[in-house]
């Protein structure tokens, strides 16, 4: 299979095209299906201020400046 991230976390993003104004939820999952709690999301190198605690990040409404790379740890 593909190489796993060092911390064992994968970021699940929607597979469909995203449009401005959409609601998008990013989910942080463990590749071993171990329980994950209290993750921190990053947009590039910037910490994302989380609106909801846990393993999901909701971007609503989606804005142009939300584009870029995201990761969780």
Protein backbone atom coordinates (compact mmCIF):
# COMPACT_ATOMS: atom_id res chain seq x y z
CA UNK A 1 0.00 0.00 0.00
CA UNK A 2 1.00 3.67 0.00
CA UNK A 3 3.50 4.79 2.62
CA UNK A 4 1.82 5.83 5.84
CA UNK A 5 2.43 9.22 7.44
CA UNK A 6 4.85 9.08 10.35
CA UNK A 7 2.13 9.90 12.87
CA UNK A 8 -0.33 7.47 11.31
CA UNK A 9 -2.95 10.11 10.56
CA UNK A 10 -4.67 10.71 7.24
CA UNK A 11 -6.82 13.66 6.26
CA UNK A 12 -10.03 12.75 4.46
CA UNK A 13 -11.32 15.38 2.08
CA UNK A 14 -14.33 15.32 -0.24
CA UNK A 15 -13.67 13.70 -3.62
CA UNK A 16 -15.97 16.02 -5.55
CA UNK A 17 -15.06 19.48 -6.90
CA UNK A 18 -15.44 22.20 -4.29
CA UNK A 19 -17.06 25.53 -5.02
CA UNK A 20 -17.02 28.82 -3.16
CA UNK A 21 -19.88 28.91 -0.66
CA UNK A 22 -19.90 25.14 -0.12
CA UNK A 23 -19.72 23.58 3.32
CA UNK A 24 -16.69 21.32 3.54
CA UNK A 25 -15.78 18.98 6.37
CA UNK A 26 -12.24 17.65 6.67
CA UNK A 27 -11.85 14.53 8.80
CA UNK A 28 -8.69 13.35 10.48
CA UNK A 29 -8.48 9.57 10.75
CA UNK A 30 -5.97 7.04 11.93
CA UNK A 31 -4.87 4.70 9.16
CA UNK A 32 -5.07 1.83 11.65
CA UNK A 33 -8.58 2.82 12.73
CA UNK A 34 -7.29 3.53 16.19
CA UNK A 35 -9.29 6.16 18.03
CA UNK A 36 -8.05 9.70 17.46
CA UNK A 37 -8.76 12.56 19.84
CA UNK A 38 -7.69 16.15 20.05
CA UNK A 39 -6.04 16.67 16.70
CA UNK A 40 -4.71 19.98 15.45
CA UNK A 41 -5.37 21.03 11.88
CA UNK A 42 -2.88 23.02 9.83
CA UNK A 43 -3.44 25.04 6.65
CA UNK A 44 0.04 25.13 5.20
CA UNK A 45 2.14 25.91 8.29
CA UNK A 46 -0.59 27.88 10.05
CA UNK A 47 -2.56 26.35 12.90
CA UNK A 48 -6.25 26.39 12.08
CA UNK A 49 -8.43 27.77 14.85
CA UNK A 50 -10.83 24.92 15.39
CA UNK A 51 -14.51 25.74 15.51
CA UNK A 52 -15.42 22.31 16.86
CA UNK A 53 -13.35 20.08 19.14
CA UNK A 54 -12.47 16.64 17.90
CA UNK A 55 -11.31 15.22 14.64
CA UNK A 56 -13.31 17.26 12.12
CA UNK A 57 -12.75 20.70 10.66
CA UNK A 58 -15.69 22.44 9.03
CA UNK A 59 -15.10 25.17 6.46
CA UNK A 60 -18.38 26.99 5.90
CA UNK A 61 -18.84 28.87 3.74
CA UNK A 62 -15.87 27.83 1.67
CA UNK A 63 -13.79 30.83 0.63
CA UNK A 64 -11.10 31.28 -1.98
CA UNK A 65 -8.46 31.78 0.72
CA UNK A 66 -9.24 28.33 2.12
CA UNK A 67 -7.44 26.75 -0.84
CA UNK A 68 -4.08 25.12 -0.27
CA UNK A 69 -2.78 22.12 1.58
CA UNK A 70 -4.17 20.89 4.88
CA UNK A 71 -2.82 18.37 7.34
CA UNK A 72 -3.62 17.16 10.83
CA UNK A 73 -1.50 15.88 13.67
